[in-house]
Amino acid sequence: MLHKLKRETLFRRINVFKNNKLYYQWRSLEWISMLGDSFYYIALLSYASNLSNPKIAIMIISISEIFPRVFEVFLGVLADSTRQRTKRFFQSGIFRGFCYLLIGIIMLKSNSIIGILIIGILNALSDLFGSYVELCISPFIKLIVDEDDLEKSLAINSFFHNFIYMFANLIGAALLGVLGIQLLAFFNALTFFFVAFGVKAISSKLI
């Protein structure tokens, strides 16, 4: 009986994916960017800790992470009045990809506080654009997910978010040892370029 119940639960979850392919295509792009972000953050902290004044460097990074959250209310107002939201999603991937490409180059060429300050500014701008686009895209959920599947879809998304947060640090630490700090930052840039063109591929369906 228990085995049958588990099997039925599995089939229901598979059906949620089948019935809402567009939603999961979009979310999978979001998960990829989250994974790249998690790897990058490990690389950034490692870079900062190796500078001549690591305390100041880590403080700059922390401020750059907190800064975008302060403006979330204003970003929400801006997002509500935004048109061509999927276009902004694509632009976000390109912009953030170039930001992290520049960050990777700075990590490769500079070991100064000026370098980490520029990285902090680029990081804050990238996160601001990312938060803005997330607010722009959120209303699409109710348009592309069947009402009966909405709760399950949000639950599955929450599961993947938690899974990424739990295991990305372990995977990132392993990749850091293999790729090094700079290549991990470049890897993050590639994930955003990939997401941008993934969004481009499904944008006509989202409109």
Protein backbone atom coordinates (compact mmCIF):
# COMPACT_ATOMS: atom_id res chain seq x y z
CA MET A 1 0.00 0.00 0.00
CA LEU A 2 2.80 2.38 0.96
CA HIS A 3 4.73 1.46 -2.19
CA LYS A 4 1.65 2.18 -4.32
CA LEU A 5 1.16 5.55 -2.60
CA LYS A 6 4.78 6.55 -3.26
CA ARG A 7 4.45 5.51 -6.90
CA GLU A 8 1.28 7.58 -7.32
CA THR A 9 2.99 10.58 -5.70
CA LEU A 10 5.92 10.21 -8.11
CA PHE A 11 3.57 10.05 -11.12
CA ARG A 12 1.75 13.18 -9.92
CA ARG A 13 5.05 15.06 -9.68
CA ILE A 14 6.08 13.91 -13.15
CA ASN A 15 2.73 15.10 -14.49
CA VAL A 16 3.32 18.52 -12.93
CA PHE A 17 6.51 18.77 -15.01
CA LYS A 18 4.76 17.56 -18.17
CA ASN A 19 1.84 19.94 -17.80
CA ASN A 20 4.01 22.97 -17.09
CA LYS A 21 7.07 22.57 -19.32
CA LEU A 22 7.47 26.29 -19.94
CA TYR A 23 7.51 27.04 -16.21
CA TYR A 24 10.25 24.49 -15.58
CA GLN A 25 12.26 25.64 -18.58
CA TRP A 26 12.23 29.12 -17.08
CA ARG A 27 12.93 27.90 -13.55
CA SER A 28 15.78 25.64 -14.70
CA LEU A 29 17.52 28.72 -16.12
CA GLU A 30 17.05 30.42 -12.77
CA TRP A 31 18.53 27.37 -10.97
CA ILE A 32 21.57 27.40 -13.25
CA SER A 33 22.23 31.08 -12.49
CA MET A 34 21.81 30.38 -8.75
CA LEU A 35 24.35 27.57 -8.98
CA GLY A 36 26.82 29.82 -10.80
CA ASP A 37 26.26 32.55 -8.19
CA SER A 38 26.96 30.13 -5.33
CA PHE A 39 30.22 28.98 -6.95
CA TYR A 40 31.24 32.57 -7.62
CA TYR A 41 30.62 33.65 -4.00
CA ILE A 42 33.04 30.97 -2.78
CA ALA A 43 35.65 32.17 -5.29
CA LEU A 44 35.09 35.80 -4.25
CA LEU A 45 35.56 35.06 -0.54
CA SER A 46 38.70 33.04 -1.28
CA TYR A 47 40.07 35.91 -3.37
CA ALA A 48 39.30 38.47 -0.64
CA SER A 49 40.86 36.35 2.11
CA ASN A 50 44.17 36.23 0.18
CA LEU A 51 44.49 40.02 -0.13
CA SER A 52 46.81 42.11 2.04
CA ASN A 53 43.87 43.43 4.10
CA PRO A 54 41.29 40.63 4.09
CA LYS A 55 39.01 42.19 6.73
CA ILE A 56 38.37 45.30 4.63
CA ALA A 57 38.00 43.19 1.48
CA ILE A 58 35.40 40.91 3.07
CA MET A 59 33.57 43.95 4.46
CA ILE A 60 33.36 45.42 0.92
CA ILE A 61 31.95 42.14 -0.38
CA SER A 62 29.38 41.98 2.43
CA ILE A 63 28.23 45.54 1.73
CA SER A 64 27.91 44.75 -1.98
CA GLU A 65 25.69 41.77 -1.12
CA ILE A 66 23.46 43.75 1.27
CA PHE A 67 23.22 46.91 -0.87
CA PRO A 68 20.72 45.57 -3.47
CA ARG A 69 18.30 44.38 -0.77
CA VAL A 70 17.97 47.93 0.57
CA PHE A 71 16.46 48.99 -2.77
CA GLU A 72 14.07 46.06 -3.27
CA VAL A 73 10.98 48.20 -2.55
CA PHE A 74 12.01 50.72 -5.23
CA LEU A 75 12.88 47.89 -7.62
CA GLY A 76 9.38 46.46 -7.10
CA VAL A 77 7.79 49.77 -8.11
CA LEU A 78 10.05 49.96 -11.15
CA ALA A 79 9.27 46.34 -12.10
CA ASP A 80 5.51 46.98 -11.93
CA SER A 81 5.79 49.72 -14.55
CA THR A 82 8.15 47.77 -16.83
CA ARG A 83 7.12 46.62 -20.30
CA GLN A 84 8.86 43.95 -22.39
CA ARG A 85 9.80 42.06 -19.25
CA THR A 86 11.25 39.03 -21.01
CA LYS A 87 13.57 41.38 -22.90
CA ARG A 88 14.82 42.66 -19.55
CA PHE A 89 15.40 39.04 -18.50
CA PHE A 90 17.64 38.51 -21.55
CA GLN A 91 19.43 41.83 -20.99
CA SER A 92 20.03 40.87 -17.37
CA GLY A 93 21.84 37.68 -18.38
CA ILE A 94 24.08 39.54 -20.84
CA PHE A 95 24.79 42.40 -18.44
CA ARG A 96 25.52 40.13 -15.49
CA GLY A 97 27.63 37.85 -17.67
CA PHE A 98 29.85 40.78 -18.66
CA CYS A 99 30.00 41.96 -15.03
CA TYR A 100 31.35 38.60 -13.90
CA LEU A 101 33.67 38.42 -16.90
CA LEU A 102 35.20 41.73 -15.79
CA ILE A 103 35.36 40.47 -12.21
CA GLY A 104 37.25 37.39 -13.38
CA ILE A 105 39.75 39.59 -15.26
CA ILE A 106 40.23 41.82 -12.19
CA MET A 107 40.83 38.74 -10.02
CA LEU A 108 43.43 37.59 -12.55
CA LYS A 109 45.23 40.94 -12.84
CA SER A 110 44.83 42.69 -9.48
CA ASN A 111 45.45 41.91 -5.81
CA SER A 112 44.69 45.38 -4.44
CA ILE A 113 41.90 46.93 -2.39
CA ILE A 114 41.04 49.09 -5.43
CA GLY A 115 40.42 45.87 -7.33
CA ILE A 116 38.10 44.46 -4.66
CA LEU A 117 36.29 47.83 -4.52
CA ILE A 118 35.59 47.67 -8.27
CA ILE A 119 34.51 44.04 -7.86
CA GLY A 120 32.13 45.11 -5.06
CA ILE A 121 30.55 47.78 -7.28
CA LEU A 122 30.13 45.34 -10.20
CA ASN A 123 28.72 42.71 -7.84
CA ALA A 124 26.18 45.17 -6.40
CA LEU A 125 25.09 46.33 -9.88
CA SER A 126 24.72 42.73 -11.03
CA ASP A 127 22.61 41.80 -8.01
CA LEU A 128 20.48 44.94 -8.42
CA PHE A 129 19.70 44.03 -12.02
CA GLY A 130 19.06 40.41 -11.00
CA SER A 131 16.60 41.39 -8.25
CA TYR A 132 14.81 43.80 -10.60
CA VAL A 133 14.39 41.15 -13.31
CA GLU A 134 13.19 38.57 -10.79
CA LEU A 135 10.45 41.00 -9.74
CA CYS A 136 9.62 41.64 -13.40
CA ILE A 137 9.22 37.95 -14.21
CA SER A 138 7.40 36.75 -11.07
CA PRO A 139 3.89 37.70 -12.35
CA PHE A 140 4.33 35.24 -15.24
CA ILE A 141 3.95 32.31 -12.82
CA LYS A 142 0.16 32.49 -12.70
CA LEU A 143 0.00 32.85 -16.48
CA ILE A 144 2.09 29.81 -17.39
CA VAL A 145 1.22 27.34 -14.60
CA ASP A 146 -2.10 25.51 -14.32
CA GLU A 147 -3.96 26.70 -11.25
CA ASP A 148 -4.26 23.13 -9.94
CA ASP A 149 -0.48 22.68 -10.17
CA LEU A 150 0.55 26.07 -8.80
CA GLU A 151 1.14 24.97 -5.21
CA LYS A 152 3.09 21.86 -6.27
CA SER A 153 5.18 23.88 -8.73
CA LEU A 154 6.13 26.42 -6.08
CA ALA A 155 6.97 23.60 -3.67
CA ILE A 156 9.25 21.92 -6.23
CA ASN A 157 10.95 25.25 -6.93
CA SER A 158 11.49 25.75 -3.20
CA PHE A 159 13.01 22.26 -2.96
CA PHE A 160 15.52 23.01 -5.73
CA HIS A 161 16.41 26.36 -4.15
CA ASN A 162 17.16 24.64 -0.84
CA PHE A 163 19.03 21.82 -2.57
CA ILE A 164 21.27 24.29 -4.41
CA TYR A 165 21.98 26.29 -1.26
CA MET A 166 22.86 23.10 0.65
CA PHE A 167 25.14 21.42 -1.88
CA ALA A 168 26.50 24.27 -4.03
CA ASN A 169 29.08 25.17 -1.40
CA LEU A 170 30.43 21.62 -1.33
CA ILE A 171 30.56 21.39 -5.12
CA GLY A 172 31.99 24.92 -5.37
CA ALA A 173 34.76 24.12 -2.89
CA ALA A 174 35.69 21.05 -4.94
CA LEU A 175 35.69 23.07 -8.18
CA LEU A 176 37.76 25.78 -6.52
CA GLY A 177 40.50 23.24 -5.94
CA VAL A 178 40.34 22.05 -9.56
CA LEU A 179 39.67 25.27 -11.52
CA GLY A 180 41.07 27.96 -9.22
CA ILE A 181 39.53 31.27 -8.15
CA GLN A 182 39.65 33.10 -11.49
CA LEU A 183 38.29 30.26 -13.62
CA LEU A 184 35.41 29.80 -11.20
CA ALA A 185 34.48 33.47 -11.68
CA PHE A 186 34.66 33.01 -15.47
CA PHE A 187 32.48 29.90 -15.11
CA ASN A 188 29.86 32.05 -13.38
CA ALA A 189 29.95 34.51 -16.29
CA LEU A 190 29.34 31.64 -18.71
CA THR A 191 26.29 30.49 -16.75
CA PHE A 192 24.70 33.93 -17.16
CA PHE A 193 25.41 34.03 -20.90
CA PHE A 194 23.86 30.56 -21.14
CA VAL A 195 20.80 31.74 -19.20
CA ALA A 196 20.47 34.83 -21.43
CA PHE A 197 20.30 32.77 -24.62
CA GLY A 198 18.07 30.21 -22.92
CA VAL A 199 15.65 33.03 -22.12
CA LYS A 200 15.89 34.21 -25.72
CA ALA A 201 14.86 30.74 -26.87
CA ILE A 202 11.67 30.65 -24.75
CA SER A 203 10.86 34.38 -24.69
CA SER A 204 8.21 34.16 -27.42
CA LYS A 205 6.27 31.67 -25.27
CA LEU A 206 6.48 33.88 -22.18
CA ILE A 207 5.02 36.98 -23.84
